Amino acid sequence: MANRAVLYFLFMVEVFPKGLTAVIQTQQTVMAAVGEDVHLSCQLMQSRDVLQVTWQKLSPEGKKKNLATYNKYFGQTVNPDFEGKVEFKDAGLQNCSIVIRKVMEQDEGCYLCVFYMDPEGSLTGRTCLQLYELHEPILQIRESNSTEETVVSCSATGRPAPTVTLNVPQQDLYFSHNSTVSVTNTNGTVTVTTTAVLTGFHGNGAQVGCAARLLSVPEIQVFKTIPAVKQSSTDGFDDESDDESGSDKNFTLIVASFATVAVVCVAVVVTVVTVLLRHKHKNRNAEEMEMTQDPEGCKTPLMEKKNQQIRKRTSQKKSPKEEKPEPSSSTVRS
């Protein structure tokens, strides 16, 4: 989209009742994009005693509305309804220009610059503002059943209707079966779509371009590269089969990776449980040892109890037999 308005200059000549001829240099048409600042200028080519210059907006019905005025004695004045919208760029009685900020659709139309002179009367110049829109084109490439042909389409939206052109740098390639369709949108813009068949492709890589033009506005170009088509393998499997095989391999690799991770996790858990059990068993043995022997190496109550039981059983086995009493010597036999 152009950064500044496109101007068309024209010398306008008006003849007045007293027979005076005056020449005003102005722009016949000013083209600008929506949202831009527009510069409108008028210059009186002959020296006259000008008292005031007034800029007016001309409605489609022919009514005039004052925008701004520059007076010889009172200086510049902007209509309160257009403050912040219209400003003087060059305020003078021979050369006077204004700037319209961020033009919108309602600003489109014709403007008048009126030079008031004494005693001749007034001289009027006329310039018209025409807005345009030109959006970046959209280039699409669709596959065809034939490796020698590719369908290419490009759409561009603008106001007024843009011109859309397809091009290809390679000399051995050309477009055929061109067709163009225009659709008017609700906001007043027009979408133009051009479709063609790229012939002579042969599956090789190529670059195609699309250019969108609008009157004398600089064109907008976009480019896209068509990738080369892979040839079928000698096994009889085409690229699609290769893609499917590659997908299967990827799936198998993913499954194998998950299985490996699962095995590693199980091994880690088993190892941790085994270590904990060994540690617990070791602690239990240590406790039993502490209960069997005190720190000084003396016998513990448990050992003493066992010894008592052993002595008791031994004493029962070795108890002496009762001896019979021998007859006394003093006993008198009868």
Protein backbone atom coordinates (compact mmCIF):
# COMPACT_ATOMS: atom_id res chain seq x y z
CA MET A 1 0.00 0.00 0.00
CA ALA A 2 1.38 3.38 -0.95
CA ASN A 3 2.66 5.59 1.88
CA ARG A 4 1.60 8.82 0.30
CA ALA A 5 -1.22 9.99 -1.87
CA VAL A 6 -1.02 9.70 -5.65
CA LEU A 7 -1.49 13.07 -7.30
CA TYR A 8 -2.68 14.11 -10.74
CA PHE A 9 -1.92 17.74 -11.61
CA LEU A 10 -4.02 19.84 -13.95
CA PHE A 11 -4.11 23.54 -14.73
CA MET A 12 -7.69 24.73 -14.34
CA VAL A 13 -8.78 27.91 -16.14
CA GLU A 14 -11.94 29.83 -15.33
CA VAL A 15 -13.29 32.86 -17.28
CA PHE A 16 -15.28 35.46 -15.35
CA PRO A 17 -17.92 37.97 -16.48
CA LYS A 18 -15.56 40.93 -16.58
CA GLY A 19 -13.36 39.13 -19.08
CA LEU A 20 -10.55 38.38 -16.67
CA THR A 21 -8.71 35.08 -17.13
CA ALA A 22 -7.06 33.40 -14.15
CA VAL A 23 -5.17 30.15 -13.81
CA ILE A 24 -5.21 27.99 -10.68
CA GLN A 25 -2.87 25.03 -10.34
CA THR A 26 -4.35 22.19 -8.33
CA GLN A 27 -4.68 18.41 -8.30
CA GLN A 28 -7.46 17.07 -10.43
CA THR A 29 -7.55 13.80 -8.44
CA VAL A 30 -5.86 12.78 -5.23
CA MET A 31 -5.77 9.08 -4.41
CA ALA A 32 -5.06 7.95 -0.88
CA ALA A 33 -5.38 4.85 1.23
CA VAL A 34 -7.86 4.73 4.08
CA GLY A 35 -6.23 6.05 7.25
CA GLU A 36 -3.60 8.18 5.53
CA ASP A 37 -3.09 11.94 5.80
CA VAL A 38 -4.00 13.75 2.58
CA HIS A 39 -2.47 16.97 1.29
CA LEU A 40 -4.64 19.25 -0.88
CA SER A 41 -3.17 22.38 -2.43
CA CYS A 42 -4.17 25.28 -4.67
CA GLN A 43 -1.90 27.90 -6.20
CA LEU A 44 -2.91 31.10 -7.99
CA MET A 45 -0.58 31.43 -10.97
CA GLN A 46 -1.23 35.16 -11.58
CA SER A 47 -0.61 37.92 -9.09
CA ARG A 48 -3.90 39.23 -7.68
CA ASP A 49 -4.97 41.25 -4.68
CA VAL A 50 -6.42 38.34 -2.73
CA LEU A 51 -8.22 39.09 0.51
CA GLN A 52 -9.20 35.58 1.56
CA VAL A 53 -8.83 31.88 0.60
CA THR A 54 -11.53 29.41 1.68
CA TRP A 55 -11.54 25.62 1.46
CA GLN A 56 -14.94 23.97 1.02
CA LYS A 57 -16.25 20.39 0.87
CA LEU A 58 -18.69 19.75 -1.97
CA SER A 59 -21.43 17.23 -1.11
CA PRO A 60 -22.90 14.83 -3.71
CA GLU A 61 -26.03 16.99 -3.71
CA GLY A 62 -23.97 20.05 -4.67
CA LYS A 63 -24.01 21.76 -1.26
CA LYS A 64 -20.87 23.53 -0.03
CA LYS A 65 -19.55 23.45 3.52
CA ASN A 66 -16.67 25.62 4.72
CA LEU A 67 -13.71 23.74 6.19
CA ALA A 68 -11.04 26.39 6.78
CA THR A 69 -10.33 30.01 5.86
CA TYR A 70 -7.20 32.11 5.60
CA ASN A 71 -7.87 35.90 5.76
CA LYS A 72 -5.46 38.70 4.92
CA TYR A 73 -6.24 40.49 8.18
CA PHE A 74 -7.50 37.78 10.57
CA GLY A 75 -5.22 34.91 9.64
CA GLN A 76 -6.29 31.24 9.57
CA THR A 77 -9.51 29.83 10.93
CA VAL A 78 -10.74 26.20 11.01
CA ASN A 79 -14.44 25.37 11.24
CA PRO A 80 -15.10 23.97 14.77
CA ASP A 81 -16.70 20.88 13.20
CA PHE A 82 -13.33 20.01 11.57
CA GLU A 83 -10.86 20.94 14.32
CA GLY A 84 -8.26 18.18 14.59
CA LYS A 85 -9.37 16.84 11.21
CA VAL A 86 -8.30 19.71 8.92
CA GLU A 87 -5.13 21.77 9.33
CA PHE A 88 -3.34 24.38 7.23
CA LYS A 89 -0.08 23.22 5.72
CA ASP A 90 0.78 26.36 3.72
CA ALA A 91 -1.31 29.35 4.71
CA GLY A 92 -1.00 32.04 2.03
CA LEU A 93 -3.07 34.22 -0.28
CA GLN A 94 -1.35 33.01 -3.48
CA ASN A 95 -0.55 29.41 -2.44
CA CYS A 96 -2.78 27.74 0.11
CA SER A 97 -2.87 24.07 1.11
CA ILE A 98 -4.49 21.98 3.81
CA VAL A 99 -4.00 18.51 5.33
CA ILE A 100 -6.88 16.15 6.09
CA ARG A 101 -5.88 13.75 8.87
CA LYS A 102 -6.62 10.02 8.65
CA VAL A 103 -9.08 10.11 5.81
CA MET A 104 -12.11 7.82 5.99
CA GLU A 105 -14.84 6.92 3.53
CA GLN A 106 -16.92 9.97 4.50
CA ASP A 107 -13.99 12.21 3.50
CA GLU A 108 -14.11 11.00 -0.08
CA GLY A 109 -15.41 13.55 -2.59
CA CYS A 110 -14.51 16.88 -4.19
CA TYR A 111 -13.02 19.95 -2.49
CA LEU A 112 -13.01 23.60 -3.60
CA CYS A 113 -10.40 26.27 -2.99
CA VAL A 114 -11.89 29.74 -3.45
CA PHE A 115 -9.71 32.89 -3.87
CA TYR A 116 -11.65 36.06 -3.03
CA MET A 117 -10.28 39.19 -4.70
CA ASP A 118 -11.20 42.83 -4.70
CA PRO A 119 -12.68 44.10 -6.92
CA GLU A 120 -12.52 41.23 -9.45
CA GLY A 121 -14.56 38.69 -7.46
CA SER A 122 -13.54 35.07 -6.82
CA LEU A 123 -11.60 32.31 -8.52
CA THR A 124 -12.28 28.63 -7.74
CA GLY A 125 -10.13 25.54 -8.06
CA ARG A 126 -11.47 22.01 -7.74
CA THR A 127 -9.76 18.79 -6.59
CA CYS A 128 -11.31 15.41 -5.83
CA LEU A 129 -10.23 12.88 -3.23
CA GLN A 130 -10.59 9.20 -4.13
CA LEU A 131 -9.82 6.55 -1.52
CA TYR A 132 -8.55 3.10 -2.28
CA GLU A 133 -7.82 -0.15 -0.46
CA LEU A 134 -5.39 -2.80 -1.56
CA HIS A 135 -4.70 -5.78 0.66
CA GLU A 136 -1.89 -8.27 0.24
CA PRO A 137 -2.88 -11.06 -2.18
CA ILE A 138 -3.27 -14.66 -1.05
CA LEU A 139 -1.52 -17.26 -3.21
CA GLN A 140 -2.67 -20.90 -3.06
CA ILE A 141 -1.29 -24.00 -4.78
CA ARG A 142 -3.34 -27.17 -5.17
CA GLU A 143 -2.05 -30.55 -6.23
CA SER A 144 -3.19 -32.07 -9.48
CA ASN A 145 -3.58 -35.67 -10.60
CA SER A 146 -0.89 -35.08 -13.16
CA THR A 147 2.74 -34.55 -12.22
CA GLU A 148 3.05 -32.14 -15.15
CA GLU A 149 0.28 -29.79 -13.96
CA THR A 150 -0.39 -27.79 -10.82
CA VAL A 151 -3.40 -25.57 -10.09
CA VAL A 152 -2.49 -22.09 -8.85
CA SER A 153 -4.93 -19.43 -7.63
CA CYS A 154 -4.45 -15.93 -6.25
CA SER A 155 -6.97 -13.63 -4.56
CA ALA A 156 -6.67 -9.91 -3.83
CA THR A 157 -9.16 -7.54 -2.20
CA GLY A 158 -9.30 -3.84 -2.90
CA ARG A 159 -11.41 -0.80 -3.68
CA PRO A 160 -11.89 -0.28 -6.56
CA ALA A 161 -11.44 -3.75 -8.05
CA PRO A 162 -7.73 -4.67 -8.29
CA THR A 163 -6.00 -6.44 -11.16
CA VAL A 164 -4.53 -9.83 -10.24
CA THR A 165 -1.78 -11.42 -12.34
CA LEU A 166 0.00 -14.77 -11.98
CA ASN A 167 3.61 -15.12 -13.14
CA VAL A 168 6.38 -17.71 -13.11
CA PRO A 169 10.12 -16.95 -13.63
CA GLN A 170 11.03 -20.27 -15.32
CA GLN A 171 10.85 -20.03 -19.11
CA ASP A 172 9.87 -23.67 -19.58
CA LEU A 173 6.74 -23.22 -17.45
CA TYR A 174 3.56 -21.42 -18.45
CA PHE A 175 -0.01 -20.90 -17.25
CA SER A 176 -3.04 -22.18 -19.13
CA HIS A 177 -6.81 -22.28 -18.61
CA ASN A 178 -6.85 -18.90 -16.89
CA SER A 179 -10.10 -17.79 -15.25
CA THR A 180 -10.98 -14.72 -13.19
CA VAL A 181 -13.89 -14.21 -10.78
CA SER A 182 -14.87 -10.96 -9.03
CA VAL A 183 -17.00 -10.73 -5.89
CA THR A 184 -18.27 -7.45 -4.41
CA ASN A 185 -18.18 -7.40 -0.62
CA THR A 186 -20.62 -5.66 1.71
CA ASN A 187 -18.08 -2.96 2.66
CA GLY A 188 -17.67 -1.88 -0.96
CA THR A 189 -14.42 -3.70 -1.63
CA VAL A 190 -14.03 -6.21 -4.46
CA THR A 191 -12.25 -9.56 -4.22
CA VAL A 192 -10.70 -10.72 -7.48
CA THR A 193 -9.52 -14.33 -7.82
CA THR A 194 -7.45 -15.56 -10.74
CA THR A 195 -6.95 -19.32 -11.23
CA ALA A 196 -4.68 -21.04 -13.76
CA VAL A 197 -2.99 -24.36 -14.45
CA LEU A 198 0.80 -24.41 -14.33
CA THR A 199 1.91 -26.63 -17.23
CA GLY A 200 5.31 -28.22 -17.81
CA PHE A 201 5.91 -28.73 -14.11
CA HIS A 202 7.25 -32.33 -14.43
CA GLY A 203 7.41 -32.63 -10.66
CA ASN A 204 10.39 -30.28 -10.40
CA GLY A 205 10.53 -27.43 -7.91
CA ALA A 206 9.31 -24.05 -9.15
CA GLN A 207 8.51 -20.57 -7.88
CA VAL A 208 5.28 -18.79 -8.76
CA GLY A 209 4.26 -15.23 -8.04
CA CYS A 210 1.13 -13.11 -7.84
CA ALA A 211 0.89 -9.35 -8.35
CA ALA A 212 -2.04 -7.16 -7.32
CA ARG A 213 -2.39 -3.74 -8.97
CA LEU A 214 -4.80 -0.88 -8.38
CA LEU A 215 -4.83 2.08 -10.77
CA SER A 216 -1.45 3.81 -10.41
CA VAL A 217 -0.84 2.51 -6.88
CA PRO A 218 2.40 0.50 -6.57
CA GLU A 219 1.66 -3.19 -6.98
CA ILE A 220 1.96 -5.76 -4.21
CA GLN A 221 3.69 -9.06 -5.02
CA VAL A 222 3.83 -12.36 -3.16
CA PHE A 223 5.77 -15.51 -4.06
CA LYS A 224 5.51 -19.18 -3.14
CA THR A 225 7.71 -22.15 -3.95
CA ILE A 226 6.25 -25.42 -5.24
CA PRO A 227 8.32 -28.28 -3.80
CA ALA A 228 9.62 -31.00 -6.09
CA VAL A 229 7.60 -34.23 -6.15
CA LYS A 230 9.51 -37.28 -4.83
CA GLN A 231 9.91 -40.04 -7.35
CA SER A 232 8.50 -43.52 -6.64
CA SER A 233 11.00 -46.00 -5.17
CA THR A 234 12.26 -49.03 -7.13
CA ASP A 235 10.45 -51.41 -4.77
CA GLY A 236 7.14 -50.36 -6.16
CA PHE A 237 6.20 -48.32 -3.09
CA ASP A 238 5.28 -44.71 -3.67
CA ASP A 239 5.93 -41.75 -1.43
CA GLU A 240 2.67 -42.25 0.40
CA SER A 241 3.70 -45.79 1.31
CA ASP A 242 7.04 -44.45 2.46
CA ASP A 243 5.25 -41.92 4.61
CA GLU A 244 3.03 -44.61 6.09
CA SER A 245 6.06 -46.85 6.71
CA GLY A 246 7.81 -43.95 8.37
CA SER A 247 4.78 -43.35 10.55
CA ASP A 248 4.71 -47.02 11.56
CA LYS A 249 8.41 -46.88 12.43
CA ASN A 250 7.87 -43.79 14.50
CA PHE A 251 4.96 -45.44 16.33
CA THR A 252 7.05 -48.57 17.03
CA LEU A 253 9.90 -46.43 18.30
CA ILE A 254 7.58 -44.58 20.66
CA VAL A 255 6.12 -47.82 22.02
CA ALA A 256 9.61 -49.28 22.54
CA SER A 257 10.67 -46.14 24.37
CA PHE A 258 7.70 -46.33 26.74
CA ALA A 259 8.41 -50.06 27.38
CA THR A 260 12.05 -49.32 28.21
CA VAL A 261 11.05 -46.59 30.63
CA ALA A 262 8.54 -48.94 32.32
CA VAL A 263 11.19 -51.69 32.77
CA VAL A 264 13.64 -49.23 34.26
CA CYS A 265 11.00 -47.95 36.71
CA VAL A 266 10.15 -51.52 37.86
CA ALA A 267 13.84 -52.35 38.34
CA VAL A 268 14.33 -49.24 40.45
CA VAL A 269 11.32 -50.10 42.65
CA VAL A 270 12.53 -53.71 43.18
CA THR A 271 16.01 -52.52 44.10
CA VAL A 272 14.68 -50.02 46.63
CA VAL A 273 12.40 -52.63 48.27
CA THR A 274 15.28 -55.15 48.49
CA VAL A 275 17.58 -52.64 50.15
CA LEU A 276 14.91 -51.69 52.67
CA LEU A 277 14.25 -55.35 53.59
CA ARG A 278 17.95 -56.07 54.06
CA HIS A 279 18.32 -53.03 56.24
CA LYS A 280 15.35 -54.08 58.38
CA HIS A 281 16.71 -57.63 58.80
CA LYS A 282 20.11 -56.29 59.81
CA ASN A 283 18.55 -54.05 62.45
CA ARG A 284 16.61 -57.01 63.90
CA ASN A 285 19.78 -59.13 64.27
CA ALA A 286 21.50 -56.26 65.97
CA GLU A 287 18.70 -55.97 68.50
CA GLU A 288 18.93 -59.70 69.34
CA MET A 289 22.66 -59.41 69.90
CA GLU A 290 22.13 -56.51 72.27
CA MET A 291 19.58 -58.56 74.27
CA THR A 292 22.03 -61.53 74.55
CA GLN A 293 25.09 -59.66 75.87
CA ASP A 294 25.48 -56.46 77.72
CA PRO A 295 28.16 -53.91 76.88
CA GLU A 296 30.66 -55.23 79.50
CA GLY A 297 30.50 -58.87 78.38
CA CYS A 298 28.58 -60.02 81.46
CA LYS A 299 25.75 -62.50 81.40
CA THR A 300 22.37 -61.09 80.82
CA PRO A 301 19.20 -62.15 82.62
CA LEU A 302 18.31 -64.25 79.65
CA MET A 303 21.54 -66.25 79.87
CA GLU A 304 21.17 -66.63 83.66
CA LYS A 305 17.71 -68.00 83.25
CA LYS A 306 18.91 -70.58 80.77
CA ASN A 307 21.76 -71.62 83.12
CA GLN A 308 19.38 -72.10 86.01
CA GLN A 309 17.22 -74.37 83.91
CA ILE A 310 20.30 -76.46 82.99
CA ARG A 311 21.43 -76.78 86.64
CA LYS A 312 17.99 -77.83 87.71
CA ARG A 313 17.87 -80.65 85.21
CA THR A 314 21.37 -81.79 86.23
CA SER A 315 20.57 -81.85 89.94
CA GLN A 316 17.55 -83.99 89.35
CA LYS A 317 19.65 -86.63 87.56
CA LYS A 318 22.44 -86.71 90.16
CA SER A 319 20.36 -86.76 93.46
CA PRO A 320 21.95 -89.39 95.97
CA LYS A 321 20.04 -92.59 97.00
CA GLU A 322 18.82 -92.93 100.56
CA GLU A 323 21.21 -95.19 102.61
CA LYS A 324 19.84 -97.89 104.89
CA PRO A 325 20.94 -97.64 108.59
CA GLU A 326 23.58 -100.22 109.84
CA PRO A 327 22.92 -102.21 113.05
CA SER A 328 24.52 -100.77 116.12
CA SER A 329 27.21 -102.70 117.94
CA SER A 330 25.59 -102.10 121.15
CA THR A 331 22.55 -103.95 120.20
CA VAL A 332 22.18 -107.16 122.35
CA ARG A 333 21.17 -110.18 120.56
CA SER A 334 18.51 -112.13 122.32
